[in-house]
C-alpha atoms as a PDB file:
ATOM      1  CA  MET A   1      25.681  -3.681 -28.244  1.00  0.00           C
ATOM      2  CA  THR A   2      29.334  -3.704 -27.210  1.00  0.00           C
ATOM      3  CA  GLN A   3      30.208  -5.529 -24.027  1.00  0.00           C
ATOM      4  CA  PHE A   4      33.865  -4.530 -23.943  1.00  0.00           C
ATOM      5  CA  VAL A   5      35.708  -1.419 -25.071  1.00  0.00           C
ATOM      6  CA  ARG A   6      39.363  -1.551 -26.028  1.00  0.00           C
ATOM      7  CA  LEU A   7      41.293   0.955 -23.923  1.00  0.00           C
ATOM      8  CA  SER A   8      44.853   0.335 -25.070  1.00  0.00           C
ATOM      9  CA  GLY A   9      46.843  -1.430 -27.739  1.00  0.00           C
ATOM     10  CA  THR A  10      44.886   0.331 -30.456  1.00  0.00           C
ATOM     11  CA  GLY A  11      47.917   1.054 -32.638  1.00  0.00           C
ATOM     12  CA  ARG A  12      48.187  -2.494 -33.982  1.00  0.00           C
ATOM     13  CA  PRO A  13      47.152  -3.326 -37.574  1.00  0.00           C
ATOM     14  CA  ALA A  14      43.526  -4.336 -38.191  1.00  0.00           C
ATOM     15  CA  VAL A  15      42.671  -7.916 -39.145  1.00  0.00           C
ATOM     16  CA  ALA A  16      39.487  -8.709 -41.100  1.00  0.00           C
ATOM     17  CA  ILE A  17      37.587 -11.758 -39.817  1.00  0.00           C
ATOM     18  CA  HIS A  18      34.023 -13.110 -39.919  1.00  0.00           C
ATOM     19  CA  ILE A  19      31.955 -14.112 -36.903  1.00  0.00           C
ATOM     20  CA  ASP A  20      28.968 -16.332 -37.675  1.00  0.00           C
ATOM     21  CA  GLY A  21      29.083 -15.110 -41.275  1.00  0.00           C
ATOM     22  CA  ALA A  22      29.147 -11.387 -40.433  1.00  0.00           C
ATOM     23  CA  PRO A  23      32.207  -9.233 -41.149  1.00  0.00           C
ATOM     24  CA  ALA A  24      34.110  -8.168 -38.044  1.00  0.00           C
ATOM     25  CA  SER A  25      37.481  -6.718 -37.209  1.00  0.00           C
ATOM     26  CA  ALA A  26      40.167  -7.440 -34.692  1.00  0.00           C
ATOM     27  CA  LEU A  27      43.685  -6.221 -34.131  1.00  0.00           C
ATOM     28  CA  SER A  28      46.828  -8.152 -34.907  1.00  0.00           C
ATOM     29  CA  GLY A  29      47.787 -10.108 -31.786  1.00  0.00           C
ATOM     30  CA  ASP A  30      44.214 -10.372 -30.454  1.00  0.00           C
ATOM     31  CA  THR A  31      42.921 -13.743 -29.427  1.00  0.00           C
ATOM     32  CA  VAL A  32      39.671 -14.997 -30.921  1.00  0.00           C
ATOM     33  CA  LEU A  33      38.093 -14.464 -27.469  1.00  0.00           C
ATOM     34  CA  THR A  34      39.084 -10.796 -27.489  1.00  0.00           C
ATOM     35  CA  ALA A  35      37.728 -10.381 -31.016  1.00  0.00           C
ATOM     36  CA  LEU A  36      34.406 -11.973 -30.059  1.00  0.00           C
ATOM     37  CA  LEU A  37      33.962  -9.835 -26.958  1.00  0.00           C
ATOM     38  CA  VAL A  38      34.973  -6.478 -28.464  1.00  0.00           C
ATOM     39  CA  ASN A  39      32.657  -7.153 -31.395  1.00  0.00           C
ATOM     40  CA  GLY A  40      29.757  -7.399 -28.951  1.00  0.00           C
ATOM     41  CA  ARG A  41      29.372 -11.175 -29.107  1.00  0.00           C
ATOM     42  CA  ARG A  42      29.223 -13.866 -26.529  1.00  0.00           C
ATOM     43  CA  VAL A  43      31.565 -16.761 -27.156  1.00  0.00           C
ATOM     44  CA  ARG A  44      28.791 -19.315 -27.622  1.00  0.00           C
ATOM     45  CA  GLU A  45      25.622 -20.773 -26.159  1.00  0.00           C
ATOM     46  CA  GLY A  46      25.890 -23.463 -23.501  1.00  0.00           C
ATOM     47  CA  GLU A  47      26.071 -27.020 -24.823  1.00  0.00           C
ATOM     48  CA  PHE A  48      23.921 -28.485 -22.094  1.00  0.00           C
ATOM     49  CA  GLY A  49      21.180 -25.908 -21.859  1.00  0.00           C
ATOM     50  CA  GLU A  50      20.394 -22.362 -22.772  1.00  0.00           C
ATOM     51  CA  GLY A  51      22.588 -19.510 -21.725  1.00  0.00           C
ATOM     52  CA  PRO A  52      25.384 -17.462 -23.235  1.00  0.00           C
ATOM     53  CA  ARG A  53      28.979 -18.308 -22.411  1.00  0.00           C
ATOM     54  CA  ALA A  54      31.849 -15.825 -22.452  1.00  0.00           C
ATOM     55  CA  GLY A  55      34.842 -17.904 -21.473  1.00  0.00           C
ATOM     56  CA  PHE A  56      35.871 -18.504 -17.899  1.00  0.00           C
ATOM     57  CA  CYS A  57      39.571 -18.931 -17.191  1.00  0.00           C
ATOM     58  CA  ALA A  58      41.051 -17.103 -20.249  1.00  0.00           C
ATOM     59  CA  MET A  59      44.108 -19.385 -20.160  1.00  0.00           C
ATOM     60  CA  GLY A  60      43.029 -22.560 -21.960  1.00  0.00           C
ATOM     61  CA  ALA A  61      42.234 -24.743 -18.955  1.00  0.00           C
ATOM     62  CA  CYS A  62      38.453 -24.689 -18.495  1.00  0.00           C
ATOM     63  CA  GLN A  63      37.146 -25.746 -21.948  1.00  0.00           C
ATOM     64  CA  ASP A  64      34.472 -23.014 -21.822  1.00  0.00           C
ATOM     65  CA  CYS A  65      35.521 -21.031 -24.898  1.00  0.00           C
ATOM     66  CA  TRP A  66      35.457 -23.675 -27.638  1.00  0.00           C
ATOM     67  CA  VAL A  67      34.367 -22.221 -30.978  1.00  0.00           C
ATOM     68  CA  PHE A  68      34.519 -23.578 -34.514  1.00  0.00           C
ATOM     69  CA  LEU A  69      35.924 -22.768 -37.918  1.00  0.00           C
ATOM     70  CA  GLU A  70      33.898 -23.233 -41.100  1.00  0.00           C
ATOM     71  CA  ASP A  71      35.565 -26.595 -41.760  1.00  0.00           C
ATOM     72  CA  GLY A  72      34.206 -27.892 -38.445  1.00  0.00           C
ATOM     73  CA  SER A  73      37.501 -27.809 -36.570  1.00  0.00           C
ATOM     74  CA  ARG A  74      37.314 -26.678 -32.955  1.00  0.00           C
ATOM     75  CA  LEU A  75      39.597 -24.199 -31.244  1.00  0.00           C
ATOM     76  CA  ARG A  76      39.946 -22.486 -27.909  1.00  0.00           C
ATOM     77  CA  ALA A  77      39.035 -18.839 -28.368  1.00  0.00           C
ATOM     78  CA  CYS A  78      41.129 -17.699 -25.401  1.00  0.00           C
ATOM     79  CA  THR A  79      44.448 -19.074 -26.662  1.00  0.00           C
ATOM     80  CA  THR A  80      44.086 -18.856 -30.457  1.00  0.00           C
ATOM     81  CA  PRO A  81      45.271 -15.696 -32.197  1.00  0.00           C
ATOM     82  CA  VAL A  82      43.082 -14.219 -34.924  1.00  0.00           C
ATOM     83  CA  ALA A  83      44.229 -14.584 -38.526  1.00  0.00           C
ATOM     84  CA  GLU A  84      43.313 -12.514 -41.552  1.00  0.00           C
ATOM     85  CA  GLY A  85      40.205 -13.927 -43.227  1.00  0.00           C
ATOM     86  CA  MET A  86      39.361 -16.287 -40.333  1.00  0.00           C
ATOM     87  CA  HIS A  87      35.724 -17.426 -40.276  1.00  0.00           C
ATOM     88  CA  VAL A  88      34.710 -18.145 -36.667  1.00  0.00           C
ATOM     89  CA  LEU A  89      31.464 -19.906 -35.805  1.00  0.00           C
ATOM     90  CA  THR A  90      30.085 -19.733 -32.296  1.00  0.00           C
ATOM     91  CA  ARG A  91      28.010 -22.858 -32.948  1.00  0.00           C
ATOM     92  CA  PRO A  92      29.021 -26.141 -34.554  1.00  0.00           C
ATOM     93  CA  PRO A  93      28.546 -26.231 -38.335  1.00  0.00           C
ATOM     94  CA  ALA A  94      26.167 -29.179 -37.859  1.00  0.00           C
ATOM     95  CA  LEU A  95      23.918 -27.326 -35.439  1.00  0.00           C
ATOM     96  CA  PRO A  96      22.119 -29.258 -32.708  1.00  0.00           C
ATOM     97  CA  ALA A  97      18.365 -28.547 -32.835  1.00  0.00           C
ATOM     98  CA  HIS A  98      18.222 -27.031 -29.310  1.00  0.00           C
ATOM     99  CA  TRP A  99      20.754 -24.236 -30.082  1.00  0.00           C
ATOM    100  CA  PRO A 100      19.216 -20.822 -30.876  1.00  0.00           C
ATOM    101  CA  ALA A 101      19.798 -19.018 -34.165  1.00  0.00           C
ATOM    102  CA  PRO A 102      22.790 -16.668 -34.388  1.00  0.00           C
ATOM    103  CA  GLY A 103      21.998 -13.270 -32.928  1.00  0.00           C
ATOM    104  CA  ALA A 104      18.955 -14.552 -31.035  1.00  0.00           C
ATOM    105  CA  ALA A 105      18.397 -12.924 -27.667  1.00  0.00           C
ATOM    106  CA  PRO A 106      19.698 -15.063 -24.779  1.00  0.00           C
END
Protein backbone atom coordinates (compact mmCIF):
# COMPACT_ATOMS: atom_id res chain seq x y z
CA MET A 1 0.00 0.00 0.00
CA THR A 2 1.35 3.42 -0.95
CA GLN A 3 0.97 6.19 1.58
CA PHE A 4 2.30 8.97 -0.62
CA VAL A 5 2.15 9.60 -4.35
CA ARG A 6 4.77 11.70 -6.09
CA LEU A 7 3.06 14.54 -7.95
CA SER A 8 6.04 16.44 -9.33
CA GLY A 9 9.76 16.15 -9.85
CA THR A 10 9.32 12.88 -11.71
CA GLY A 11 11.84 13.70 -14.43
CA ARG A 12 14.88 13.01 -12.25
CA PRO A 13 16.99 9.85 -12.75
CA ALA A 14 16.00 6.73 -10.79
CA VAL A 15 18.22 5.46 -7.98
CA ALA A 16 18.16 1.78 -6.95
CA ILE A 17 18.15 1.21 -3.18
CA HIS A 18 17.09 -1.52 -0.74
CA ILE A 19 14.74 -1.06 2.20
CA ASP A 20 14.90 -3.81 4.82
CA GLY A 21 16.42 -6.11 2.21
CA ALA A 22 13.76 -5.51 -0.46
CA PRO A 23 14.58 -3.70 -3.71
CA ALA A 24 13.10 -0.21 -3.95
CA SER A 25 13.56 2.86 -6.07
CA ALA A 26 13.90 6.54 -5.43
CA LEU A 27 14.74 9.55 -7.55
CA SER A 28 18.03 11.38 -7.55
CA GLY A 29 17.81 14.17 -4.97
CA ASP A 30 15.23 12.38 -2.78
CA THR A 31 15.89 12.10 0.91
CA VAL A 32 15.79 8.68 2.53
CA LEU A 33 12.54 9.79 4.23
CA THR A 34 10.93 10.52 0.87
CA ALA A 35 12.09 7.16 -0.49
CA LEU A 36 10.66 5.32 2.52
CA LEU A 37 7.29 7.04 2.32
CA VAL A 38 6.77 6.80 -1.46
CA ASN A 39 7.70 3.12 -1.29
CA GLY A 40 4.80 2.58 1.11
CA ARG A 41 6.91 2.18 4.25
CA ARG A 42 6.84 3.79 7.62
CA VAL A 43 10.18 5.12 8.77
CA ARG A 44 10.47 2.74 11.72
CA GLU A 45 8.74 1.34 14.78
CA GLY A 46 8.85 3.31 18.02
CA GLU A 47 11.84 2.56 20.25
CA PHE A 48 9.89 2.77 23.47
CA GLY A 49 6.76 0.88 22.55
CA GLU A 50 4.81 -0.32 19.59
CA GLY A 51 3.68 2.02 16.88
CA PRO A 52 4.90 3.11 13.47
CA ARG A 53 6.83 6.34 13.12
CA ALA A 54 6.94 8.46 9.97
CA GLY A 55 9.18 11.35 10.91
CA PHE A 56 7.92 14.49 12.57
CA CYS A 57 9.73 17.72 11.78
CA ALA A 58 11.31 16.80 8.38
CA MET A 59 14.24 19.14 9.08
CA GLY A 60 16.61 17.14 11.28
CA ALA A 61 15.64 18.54 14.67
CA CYS A 62 13.30 16.02 16.31
CA GLN A 63 15.31 12.75 16.16
CA ASP A 64 12.19 10.84 15.04
CA CYS A 65 13.45 9.58 11.68
CA TRP A 66 16.63 7.71 12.64
CA VAL A 67 17.21 4.68 10.43
CA PHE A 68 20.23 2.44 9.91
CA LEU A 69 22.57 1.23 7.22
CA GLU A 70 23.67 -2.40 6.99
CA ASP A 71 26.94 -1.59 8.77
CA GLY A 72 24.97 -0.41 11.80
CA SER A 73 25.56 3.30 11.27
CA ARG A 74 22.61 5.57 12.02
CA LEU A 75 21.34 8.41 9.87
CA ARG A 76 18.51 10.88 9.81
CA ALA A 77 16.15 9.90 7.01
CA CYS A 78 14.82 13.43 6.57
CA THR A 79 18.17 15.08 5.84
CA THR A 80 20.15 12.29 4.14
CA PRO A 81 19.98 12.02 0.36
CA VAL A 82 19.59 8.57 -1.18
CA ALA A 83 22.60 7.03 -2.91
CA GLU A 84 22.72 4.34 -5.56
CA GLY A 85 22.89 0.90 -3.94
CA MET A 86 22.07 2.19 -0.43
CA HIS A 87 20.75 -0.49 1.94
CA VAL A 88 18.44 1.15 4.50
CA LEU A 89 17.21 -0.70 7.57
CA THR A 90 14.24 0.60 9.50
CA ARG A 91 15.35 -1.38 12.56
CA PRO A 92 18.80 -1.70 14.11
CA PRO A 93 20.88 -4.56 12.71
CA ALA A 94 21.04 -6.03 16.24
CA LEU A 95 17.28 -6.10 16.68
CA PRO A 96 15.80 -5.63 20.14
CA ALA A 97 13.44 -8.52 20.97
CA HIS A 98 10.34 -6.28 21.35
CA TRP A 99 10.53 -4.90 17.76
CA PRO A 100 8.17 -6.58 15.24
CA ALA A 101 9.42 -8.33 12.11
CA PRO A 102 9.79 -6.24 8.95
CA GLY A 103 6.48 -5.87 7.15
CA ALA A 104 4.45 -6.88 10.20
CA ALA A 105 1.16 -5.06 10.58
CA PRO A 106 1.36 -2.17 13.07
